[in-house]
N, C-alpha and C. Protein backbone atom coordinates (compact mmCIF):
# COMPACT_ATOMS: atom_id res chain seq x y z
N UNK A 1 86.61 89.53 89.69
CA UNK A 1 87.40 89.22 88.87
C UNK A 1 87.22 90.64 87.46
N UNK A 2 88.16 91.07 87.20
CA UNK A 2 88.25 91.95 86.24
C UNK A 2 88.53 91.53 85.10
N UNK A 3 88.03 91.87 83.86
CA UNK A 3 88.17 91.60 82.45
C UNK A 3 88.82 93.40 81.43
N UNK A 4 89.65 92.75 80.78
CA UNK A 4 90.28 93.88 80.24
C UNK A 4 90.48 93.59 78.97
N UNK A 5 90.90 94.34 77.74
CA UNK A 5 90.45 94.27 76.63
C UNK A 5 91.53 95.56 76.35
N UNK A 6 92.45 94.81 76.12
CA UNK A 6 94.23 95.77 75.36
C UNK A 6 94.05 95.42 73.54
N UNK A 7 94.86 96.66 73.47
CA UNK A 7 94.99 96.37 71.69
C UNK A 7 96.60 95.68 71.92
N UNK A 8 96.17 95.15 70.34
CA UNK A 8 97.42 93.70 70.32
C UNK A 8 97.98 94.09 70.43
N UNK A 9 99.29 95.07 70.36
CA UNK A 9 100.13 95.57 69.84
C UNK A 9 100.99 95.51 71.39
N UNK A 10 99.67 95.47 72.51
CA UNK A 10 99.98 95.65 74.03
C UNK A 10 99.62 94.16 74.62
N UNK A 11 99.17 93.45 73.88
CA UNK A 11 98.93 92.20 74.46
C UNK A 11 99.44 91.27 73.57
N UNK A 12 100.97 91.40 72.47
CA UNK A 12 101.66 90.67 72.17
C UNK A 12 102.89 90.92 73.07
N UNK A 13 103.37 92.60 73.54
CA UNK A 13 104.43 92.72 74.08
C UNK A 13 103.81 92.01 75.61
N UNK A 14 103.08 92.06 75.77
CA UNK A 14 102.85 91.54 77.51
C UNK A 14 102.37 89.59 77.85
N UNK A 15 102.81 88.70 76.31
CA UNK A 15 102.64 87.94 76.06
C UNK A 15 104.06 87.35 75.79
N UNK A 16 104.69 88.52 75.37
CA UNK A 16 106.05 88.19 75.06
C UNK A 16 106.91 88.15 76.44
N UNK A 17 107.08 89.19 77.16
CA UNK A 17 106.97 89.65 78.52
C UNK A 17 106.97 87.98 79.55
N UNK A 18 105.52 87.75 79.85
CA UNK A 18 105.39 86.41 80.41
C UNK A 18 106.01 85.59 80.14
N UNK A 19 106.07 84.96 78.54
CA UNK A 19 106.65 84.31 78.18
C UNK A 19 108.42 83.92 78.22
N UNK A 20 108.84 84.91 78.81
CA UNK A 20 110.71 85.15 78.25
C UNK A 20 110.55 85.07 79.96
N UNK A 21 109.91 85.29 80.96
CA UNK A 21 110.12 85.09 82.91
C UNK A 21 109.41 84.05 82.95
N UNK A 22 108.80 83.51 82.69
CA UNK A 22 108.25 82.51 83.56
C UNK A 22 107.08 83.10 83.90
N UNK A 23 106.42 84.10 84.08
CA UNK A 23 105.41 84.84 84.86
C UNK A 23 104.55 84.87 84.08
N UNK A 24 102.69 84.80 84.52
CA UNK A 24 101.54 85.24 84.25
C UNK A 24 101.07 86.35 83.81
N UNK A 25 100.71 86.76 82.53
CA UNK A 25 100.53 88.11 81.88
C UNK A 25 99.10 88.23 83.42
N UNK A 26 98.59 88.09 83.67
CA UNK A 26 97.94 88.56 84.82
C UNK A 26 98.92 89.20 85.65
N UNK A 27 99.83 88.87 86.28
CA UNK A 27 101.15 89.01 87.37
C UNK A 27 100.92 90.30 86.53
N UNK A 28 101.71 90.41 85.52
CA UNK A 28 102.40 91.60 85.33
C UNK A 28 101.19 92.78 84.93
N UNK A 29 99.72 92.56 84.96
CA UNK A 29 98.56 93.61 84.64
C UNK A 29 98.31 93.92 85.76
N UNK A 30 98.70 92.88 87.15
CA UNK A 30 98.51 93.37 88.63
C UNK A 30 99.70 94.19 88.62
N UNK A 31 100.68 93.94 88.60
CA UNK A 31 102.08 94.95 89.08
C UNK A 31 101.67 96.69 88.16
N UNK A 32 101.37 96.51 87.00
CA UNK A 32 101.36 97.90 86.24
C UNK A 32 100.19 98.07 87.01
N UNK A 33 99.31 97.94 87.61
CA UNK A 33 98.23 98.42 88.37
C UNK A 33 98.43 99.56 89.68
N UNK A 34 99.25 98.36 90.12
CA UNK A 34 99.73 98.43 92.06
C UNK A 34 100.82 99.71 91.98
N UNK A 35 101.52 99.58 90.85
CA UNK A 35 102.23 100.50 90.42
C UNK A 35 101.93 102.18 89.99
N UNK A 36 100.87 102.03 89.21
CA UNK A 36 100.61 103.45 88.98
C UNK A 36 99.43 103.99 89.95
N UNK A 37 98.83 103.22 90.46
CA UNK A 37 97.57 103.70 91.08
C UNK A 37 97.56 104.37 92.09
N UNK A 38 98.58 104.63 93.10
CA UNK A 38 98.72 105.59 94.11
C UNK A 38 99.32 107.02 93.18
N UNK A 39 99.99 107.23 91.90
CA UNK A 39 100.16 108.11 91.17
C UNK A 39 99.02 108.43 90.63
N UNK A 40 97.79 107.74 89.89
CA UNK A 40 96.56 108.34 89.98
C UNK A 40 96.00 108.82 90.81
N UNK A 41 96.08 108.40 91.74
CA UNK A 41 95.29 108.48 93.29
C UNK A 41 95.58 110.13 93.55
N UNK A 42 97.04 110.27 93.63
CA UNK A 42 97.79 111.44 93.79
C UNK A 42 97.83 112.95 92.86
N UNK A 43 97.17 112.08 91.09
CA UNK A 43 97.40 113.27 90.53
C UNK A 43 95.56 113.98 91.04
N UNK A 44 94.47 112.81 91.04
CA UNK A 44 92.97 113.36 90.97
C UNK A 44 93.05 114.09 92.67
N UNK A 45 93.72 113.29 93.26
CA UNK A 45 93.31 114.45 94.74
C UNK A 45 94.16 116.13 94.20
N UNK A 46 95.26 115.98 94.05
CA UNK A 46 96.21 117.51 94.03
C UNK A 46 94.90 118.33 93.03
N UNK A 47 94.51 117.82 91.92
CA UNK A 47 93.70 118.40 90.92
C UNK A 47 92.34 119.00 91.56
N UNK A 48 92.00 118.30 92.48
CA UNK A 48 90.56 118.62 93.26
C UNK A 48 90.87 119.52 94.10
N UNK A 49 91.89 119.41 94.88
CA UNK A 49 92.45 120.68 96.16
C UNK A 49 92.75 121.56 94.91
N UNK A 50 92.91 122.19 94.04
CA UNK A 50 93.47 122.94 93.04
C UNK A 50 92.71 123.81 92.73
N UNK A 51 91.24 123.07 92.10
CA UNK A 51 89.92 123.62 91.73
C UNK A 51 89.15 124.17 92.89
N UNK A 52 89.30 123.61 94.11
CA UNK A 52 89.07 124.20 95.58
C UNK A 52 89.42 125.45 96.13
N UNK A 53 90.71 125.31 95.59
CA UNK A 53 91.78 126.45 96.17
C UNK A 53 91.22 127.37 95.12
N UNK A 54 91.07 127.26 93.92
CA UNK A 54 90.49 128.09 93.19
C UNK A 54 89.25 128.50 93.82
N UNK A 55 88.02 128.05 93.82
CA UNK A 55 87.28 127.97 93.92
C UNK A 55 86.75 129.02 95.32
N UNK A 56 88.05 129.30 96.12
CA UNK A 56 88.14 129.28 97.41
C UNK A 56 87.50 128.89 98.80
N UNK A 57 87.12 127.35 97.99
CA UNK A 57 87.05 126.92 99.51
C UNK A 57 88.35 125.90 100.07
N UNK A 58 89.08 126.36 99.73
CA UNK A 58 90.33 126.15 100.29
C UNK A 58 91.39 127.05 100.80
N UNK A 59 92.28 127.04 101.55
CA UNK A 59 93.21 128.63 102.09
C UNK A 59 94.55 127.99 101.45
N UNK A 60 95.58 128.70 101.24
CA UNK A 60 96.75 128.68 100.53
C UNK A 60 97.29 129.01 102.17
N UNK A 61 98.47 128.20 102.57
CA UNK A 61 99.35 128.95 103.35
C UNK A 61 100.75 128.85 103.14
N UNK A 62 101.38 130.45 103.15
CA UNK A 62 102.44 130.81 102.52
C UNK A 62 103.65 129.62 103.15
N UNK A 63 105.08 129.47 102.69
CA UNK A 63 105.49 128.54 102.95
C UNK A 63 106.14 128.75 104.28
N UNK A 64 106.92 130.02 104.13
CA UNK A 64 107.35 130.54 105.27
C UNK A 64 106.91 130.82 106.84
N UNK A 65 105.08 131.06 106.10
CA UNK A 65 103.89 130.74 107.90
C UNK A 65 104.17 128.99 107.98
N UNK A 66 104.09 127.97 106.85
CA UNK A 66 104.40 126.59 107.76
C UNK A 66 105.20 126.32 107.95
N UNK A 67 106.22 126.58 107.35
CA UNK A 67 108.18 126.34 107.92
C UNK A 67 107.92 126.82 109.76
N UNK A 68 107.35 127.83 110.03
CA UNK A 68 107.23 128.15 110.97
C UNK A 68 106.18 128.32 111.69
N UNK A 69 105.38 127.54 111.48
CA UNK A 69 104.44 126.22 112.22
C UNK A 69 105.13 124.81 113.07
N UNK A 70 106.00 124.73 112.16
CA UNK A 70 106.83 123.14 112.41
C UNK A 70 108.05 123.30 112.46
N UNK A 71 108.62 124.38 113.17
CA UNK A 71 109.31 124.40 113.53
C UNK A 71 111.07 124.18 112.96
N UNK A 72 110.60 125.03 111.62
CA UNK A 72 111.76 124.77 110.77
C UNK A 72 112.00 126.56 109.91
N UNK A 73 111.34 126.85 110.92
CA UNK A 73 111.78 128.84 110.49
C UNK A 73 113.10 128.79 110.49
N UNK A 74 113.83 129.45 109.46
CA UNK A 74 115.26 130.37 109.66
C UNK A 74 115.43 129.62 108.77
N UNK A 75 115.41 128.05 108.03
CA UNK A 75 115.99 127.12 107.20
C UNK A 75 115.67 127.58 105.53
N UNK A 76 116.55 127.69 104.66
CA UNK A 76 115.85 127.84 103.79
C UNK A 76 115.47 126.97 102.56
N UNK A 77 114.16 126.87 101.75
CA UNK A 77 113.37 125.93 101.17
C UNK A 77 113.98 125.39 100.69
N UNK A 78 115.81 126.08 100.12
CA UNK A 78 115.99 124.57 98.97
C UNK A 78 117.28 123.52 100.54
N UNK A 79 117.68 123.21 101.37
CA UNK A 79 118.35 123.18 101.84
C UNK A 79 117.22 121.50 102.57
């Protein structure tokens, strides 16, 4: 069980949407979390990888080498 406090204006918008559509406020809160959780996880993973790269804990691979490794050599990156 999760309880979330929302600013009054957001609560009113959520309530109006729920009434207008016949769905619950919980439904829309759950949908919003599902929709954005992947994006947040991707963002934090990218930030962690960038920090590791800057510290030298992770190595960068030039795009040409990467393409060659995966059999895409000779293809333009913009293709």
